[in-house]
Protein backbone atom coordinates (compact mmCIF):
# COMPACT_ATOMS: atom_id res chain seq x y z
CA MET A 1 58.37 19.96 -46.22
CA VAL A 2 59.22 21.60 -43.24
CA ASN A 3 62.96 20.79 -41.71
CA LEU A 4 62.53 21.19 -38.16
CA LYS A 5 66.29 21.03 -37.52
CA LYS A 6 66.33 24.13 -39.06
CA TYR A 7 64.40 25.35 -36.16
CA PRO A 8 66.36 24.50 -32.55
CA LEU A 9 63.42 26.37 -30.65
CA VAL A 10 60.30 24.65 -31.97
CA TRP A 11 62.12 21.02 -32.10
CA LYS A 12 62.63 21.26 -28.54
CA TYR A 13 59.38 21.83 -27.78
CA PHE A 14 58.17 19.23 -30.48
CA VAL A 15 60.44 16.80 -28.26
CA LEU A 16 58.72 18.09 -24.83
CA PHE A 17 55.40 17.78 -26.25
CA LEU A 18 56.20 13.96 -27.55
CA THR A 19 57.57 12.81 -24.18
CA PHE A 20 54.35 14.95 -22.26
CA THR A 21 51.69 13.06 -24.39
CA ALA A 22 53.62 9.82 -23.78
CA VAL A 23 53.90 10.09 -20.19
CA THR A 24 50.38 10.86 -19.80
CA SER A 25 48.76 8.57 -21.93
CA CYS A 26 50.45 5.30 -20.43
CA GLN A 27 49.46 6.02 -16.98
CA LYS A 28 49.39 3.17 -14.60
CA HIS A 29 45.71 2.11 -13.15
CA PHE A 30 45.55 1.34 -9.55
CA SER A 31 43.11 -0.92 -8.20
CA PRO A 32 42.39 -1.78 -4.48
CA SER A 33 44.30 -4.99 -3.59
CA ARG A 34 42.35 -5.51 0.13
CA ILE A 35 39.31 -3.97 1.58
CA GLU A 36 39.15 -4.12 5.39
CA GLY A 37 35.88 -3.18 7.51
CA LYS A 38 35.31 -3.51 11.29
CA LYS A 39 32.13 -3.06 13.01
CA ILE A 40 32.30 0.06 15.39
CA PRO A 41 29.13 -0.19 18.12
CA ILE A 42 27.49 3.08 18.12
CA THR A 43 25.50 3.32 21.39
CA ALA A 44 23.62 5.94 23.83
CA SER A 45 26.67 6.06 26.32
CA GLN A 46 28.46 7.78 23.38
CA GLU A 47 28.76 11.36 23.30
CA MET A 48 26.91 13.39 21.15
CA ASP A 49 29.83 15.71 18.74
CA SER A 50 28.61 19.05 19.14
CA THR A 51 29.27 20.62 15.99
CA VAL A 52 27.39 17.91 14.15
CA ASP A 53 24.00 18.37 16.73
CA ARG A 54 24.43 22.08 16.17
CA VAL A 55 24.15 21.86 12.41
CA ILE A 56 21.29 18.57 12.95
CA GLN A 57 19.40 20.81 15.70
CA PRO A 58 16.95 23.27 13.13
CA TYR A 59 16.22 20.11 11.24
CA ARG A 60 15.23 18.12 14.24
CA ALA A 61 13.16 20.90 15.93
CA HIS A 62 11.46 21.03 12.05
CA ILE A 63 10.53 17.43 11.99
CA GLU A 64 9.41 17.27 15.67
CA LYS A 65 7.09 20.08 14.96
CA GLU A 66 5.57 18.58 11.71
CA LEU A 67 5.28 14.87 13.30
CA SER A 68 3.94 16.40 16.63
CA GLU A 69 0.98 18.11 14.75
CA ILE A 70 -2.38 17.54 16.09
CA LEU A 71 -4.72 16.28 12.73
CA ALA A 72 -7.89 14.89 14.74
CA TYR A 73 -9.24 12.98 17.78
CA ASN A 74 -9.60 9.12 17.93
CA PRO A 75 -12.74 8.16 20.50
CA GLU A 76 -11.71 4.57 21.03
CA THR A 77 -7.98 2.13 20.51
CA LEU A 78 -7.76 0.90 17.40
CA ASP A 79 -5.57 -2.45 17.63
CA LYS A 80 -4.79 -5.18 15.20
CA SER A 81 -4.55 -7.98 17.80
CA LYS A 82 -8.56 -7.38 18.89
CA GLY A 83 -10.11 -9.28 16.40
CA LYS A 84 -10.22 -13.29 14.77
CA TRP A 85 -11.39 -12.65 11.12
CA GLN A 86 -11.31 -8.67 11.30
CA THR A 87 -10.26 -5.56 13.59
CA ASN A 88 -11.27 -1.91 14.30
CA ILE A 89 -8.18 -0.55 12.80
CA GLY A 90 -7.88 -3.26 9.79
CA ASN A 91 -11.72 -2.09 8.66
CA PHE A 92 -10.64 1.59 9.53
CA MET A 93 -7.15 1.60 6.69
CA ALA A 94 -9.25 -0.79 4.22
CA ASP A 95 -12.24 1.70 4.14
CA VAL A 96 -9.93 5.06 4.25
CA THR A 97 -7.67 3.43 1.30
CA LEU A 98 -10.65 2.37 -0.87
CA GLU A 99 -12.35 5.64 -0.62
CA ARG A 100 -9.31 7.88 -0.90
CA THR A 101 -8.12 6.22 -3.81
CA ASN A 102 -11.45 6.07 -5.78
CA ARG A 103 -11.30 9.85 -5.43
CA VAL A 104 -7.75 9.63 -7.37
CA LEU A 105 -9.25 7.42 -9.93
CA LYS A 106 -12.54 9.46 -10.28
CA LEU A 107 -10.06 12.33 -11.33
CA ARG A 108 -8.47 10.39 -13.75
CA ASN A 109 -11.69 9.35 -15.20
CA LEU A 110 -10.63 5.44 -14.56
CA PRO A 111 -12.80 2.81 -13.14
CA LEU A 112 -13.71 2.90 -9.43
CA ALA A 113 -11.95 0.05 -7.26
CA GLN A 114 -14.91 -1.99 -5.64
CA VAL A 115 -12.56 -4.04 -3.46
CA CYS A 116 -9.67 -3.20 -0.95
CA ILE A 117 -7.60 -5.50 0.93
CA LEU A 118 -4.11 -4.93 2.91
CA ASN A 119 -2.24 -7.14 4.84
CA HIS A 120 -2.67 -7.45 8.52
CA GLY A 121 1.81 -7.74 9.02
CA GLY A 122 1.81 -4.51 7.38
CA ILE A 123 -0.07 -2.11 10.94
CA ARG A 124 2.94 -2.06 12.64
CA SER A 125 1.19 -0.21 15.47
CA ILE A 126 -2.29 0.50 17.47
CA LEU A 127 -4.28 3.95 17.28
CA PRO A 128 -4.72 4.79 20.60
CA LYS A 129 -7.38 6.72 22.05
CA GLY A 130 -6.74 10.28 22.26
CA ASN A 131 -5.07 13.33 19.63
CA VAL A 132 -4.18 11.79 16.53
CA THR A 133 -0.95 13.13 15.01
CA THR A 134 0.91 12.85 11.56
CA ARG A 135 3.56 10.70 14.18
CA SER A 136 0.67 8.33 14.55
CA ALA A 137 0.58 8.08 10.70
CA TYR A 138 4.01 6.94 10.94
CA GLU A 139 4.17 4.72 13.72
CA ILE A 140 0.77 2.54 12.02
CA MET A 141 2.70 2.28 8.24
CA PRO A 142 6.57 3.24 8.54
CA PHE A 143 7.07 1.45 5.27
CA GLU A 144 6.88 3.47 1.94
CA ASN A 145 4.08 1.16 0.22
CA SER A 146 2.04 3.30 -2.07
CA ALA A 147 -1.95 2.56 -3.59
CA VAL A 148 -2.47 0.30 -6.66
CA VAL A 149 -5.71 -0.86 -8.36
CA ILE A 150 -5.61 -4.54 -9.65
CA ALA A 151 -8.08 -5.65 -12.31
CA LEU A 152 -8.97 -9.16 -11.08
CA LYS A 153 -11.53 -11.58 -12.68
CA GLY A 154 -14.50 -13.14 -10.30
CA THR A 155 -12.63 -16.31 -9.70
CA GLN A 156 -9.49 -14.28 -8.82
CA LEU A 157 -11.62 -12.71 -5.65
CA VAL A 158 -12.50 -16.14 -4.84
CA GLU A 159 -9.01 -16.99 -4.64
CA MET A 160 -8.99 -13.97 -2.55
CA ALA A 161 -11.25 -14.76 -0.08
CA ASN A 162 -10.42 -18.93 0.59
CA TYR A 163 -6.69 -16.91 0.98
CA ILE A 164 -8.15 -15.44 4.15
CA VAL A 165 -9.57 -18.28 5.42
CA SER A 166 -6.25 -20.42 4.85
CA GLU A 167 -4.25 -17.34 6.31
CA LYS A 168 -6.54 -17.17 9.42
CA LYS A 169 -5.16 -13.71 9.95
CA PRO A 170 -7.87 -10.57 9.66
CA HIS A 171 -6.17 -8.60 6.84
CA PRO A 172 -8.15 -5.51 5.98
CA LEU A 173 -10.98 -5.79 3.79
CA ALA A 174 -13.31 -3.69 2.48
CA GLY A 175 -16.30 -3.87 -0.56
CA LEU A 176 -15.77 -7.58 0.13
CA THR A 177 -18.15 -10.03 2.29
CA PHE A 178 -18.32 -13.56 2.67
CA THR A 179 -19.54 -16.63 5.29
CA ILE A 180 -17.17 -19.50 6.10
CA ARG A 181 -18.65 -22.44 5.76
CA GLN A 182 -16.73 -26.13 6.42
CA ASN A 183 -13.53 -24.29 6.37
CA GLU A 184 -14.62 -22.46 2.46
CA ALA A 185 -15.29 -19.05 1.68
CA THR A 186 -19.19 -18.85 0.30
CA GLN A 187 -22.13 -16.44 -0.09
CA ILE A 188 -19.22 -14.29 -1.30
CA LYS A 189 -20.56 -10.39 -1.91
CA ILE A 190 -19.34 -7.34 -3.54
CA GLN A 191 -20.29 -4.08 -2.75
CA GLY A 192 -23.13 -6.23 -1.24
CA GLN A 193 -24.12 -7.71 -5.01
CA PRO A 194 -23.34 -11.69 -5.36
CA LEU A 195 -20.35 -12.25 -6.87
CA ASP A 196 -19.93 -12.71 -10.80
CA GLU A 197 -17.16 -15.22 -11.53
CA LYS A 198 -17.03 -13.77 -15.21
CA MET A 199 -16.79 -10.56 -14.16
CA THR A 200 -14.08 -7.92 -13.58
CA TYR A 201 -13.40 -6.07 -10.43
CA PHE A 202 -11.09 -3.59 -9.63
CA VAL A 203 -9.07 -4.15 -6.03
CA ALA A 204 -7.31 -1.22 -4.15
CA THR A 205 -4.21 -2.81 -2.55
CA SER A 206 -0.22 -2.24 -2.03
CA ASP A 207 2.09 -2.17 -4.30
CA TYR A 208 3.81 -4.56 -2.13
CA LEU A 209 0.89 -6.86 -2.32
CA SER A 210 0.40 -6.46 -5.92
CA ASN A 211 3.51 -8.24 -6.63
CA GLY A 212 2.29 -11.62 -4.79
CA GLY A 213 3.85 -9.92 -1.11
CA ASP A 214 2.32 -12.23 1.60
CA ASN A 215 1.37 -15.15 -0.79
CA MET A 216 -1.27 -12.95 -2.44
CA SER A 217 -0.31 -15.11 -5.72
CA PHE A 218 -3.82 -14.28 -7.14
CA PHE A 219 -2.29 -10.90 -7.83
CA LYS A 220 0.22 -12.15 -10.38
CA LYS A 221 -3.02 -13.01 -12.25
CA GLY A 222 -4.43 -9.64 -12.74
CA LEU A 223 -5.43 -8.03 -16.08
CA GLU A 224 -4.43 -4.27 -15.67
CA THR A 225 -2.37 -2.36 -13.09
CA ILE A 226 -3.12 1.27 -12.23
CA ASP A 227 -0.94 2.98 -10.15
CA VAL A 228 -2.40 5.45 -7.90
CA ASP A 229 0.92 6.95 -7.07
CA TYR A 230 -0.27 7.87 -3.42
CA LYS A 231 1.66 6.54 -0.47
CA ILE A 232 -0.60 4.35 1.92
CA ARG A 233 0.87 6.73 4.86
CA ASN A 234 -0.45 9.82 2.89
CA ILE A 235 -3.78 8.54 2.49
CA LEU A 236 -4.04 8.34 6.55
CA ILE A 237 -2.51 11.51 6.95
CA ASP A 238 -4.87 13.27 4.36
CA TYR A 239 -7.73 11.36 6.15
CA PHE A 240 -7.01 12.67 9.39
CA LYS A 241 -6.27 16.23 8.42
CA GLU A 242 -9.77 15.87 6.97
CA THR A 243 -11.92 14.79 9.91
CA ASP A 244 -12.39 16.01 12.97
CA THR A 245 -13.16 12.55 14.59
CA VAL A 246 -12.13 9.38 13.43
CA ARG A 247 -14.95 6.98 12.33
CA VAL A 248 -14.75 3.19 12.26
CA LYS A 249 -17.30 1.00 10.35
CA ASN A 250 -17.57 -2.22 12.85
CA ASP A 251 -20.16 -4.20 10.30
CA ILE A 252 -19.57 -7.91 10.18
CA ARG A 253 -17.55 -8.53 6.90
CA ILE A 254 -16.60 -12.36 7.56
CA ASN A 255 -18.59 -14.40 9.25
CA GLN A 256 -18.07 -18.01 10.23
CA GLU A 257 -20.74 -20.46 10.49
């Protein structure tokens, strides 16, 4: 065994090492004993910090340029408040979502959707007559909802039709038609063909609704979910970019006797 006392300098450094190790390994741990907060209102009367404004300005200008880009022309105002069982903007959104969702499904060699349903409350703005910009799509659909496709039995589509009747709201609908008789959905058709309750159908919708949002509980009985990974807002933007003039089908999808 080495006798450290014969080596004073080594002994000195050894003691210092032990002391340092003991001190650093026994540090106290502190945690907040109290957290306080207060509301600081921000109003238009407050002056903009010039330094911050200079930093933000290039980004603001870039975003404003993108949002203001004219993509298409809309010949008539589309308004979700105009219609009892269906609206022009609802027809438009359901048709476009169904068509562009099927483009993705076709590229992936997946079954195509026959029906699309969205929610009336998810439409947050009109689409006014005139030039359509990127901002228009953000105003109509400010949420980050994406398109998904759910496989449902025909019995669930009967539930869907009766849900629309009970809600008494013009939810955007495409590919499915029916007649309301004595507060019940009858003569239900899918793509013009009578509904078969035993058959499996594929329904395009939003991820929010697919999880039972807006009380659409029939989606919870889905047999399969296909994530399209396509935001509904981007579906609108891509449609506007590809078209010169917005076209809306005003065919009767829900008839009431």
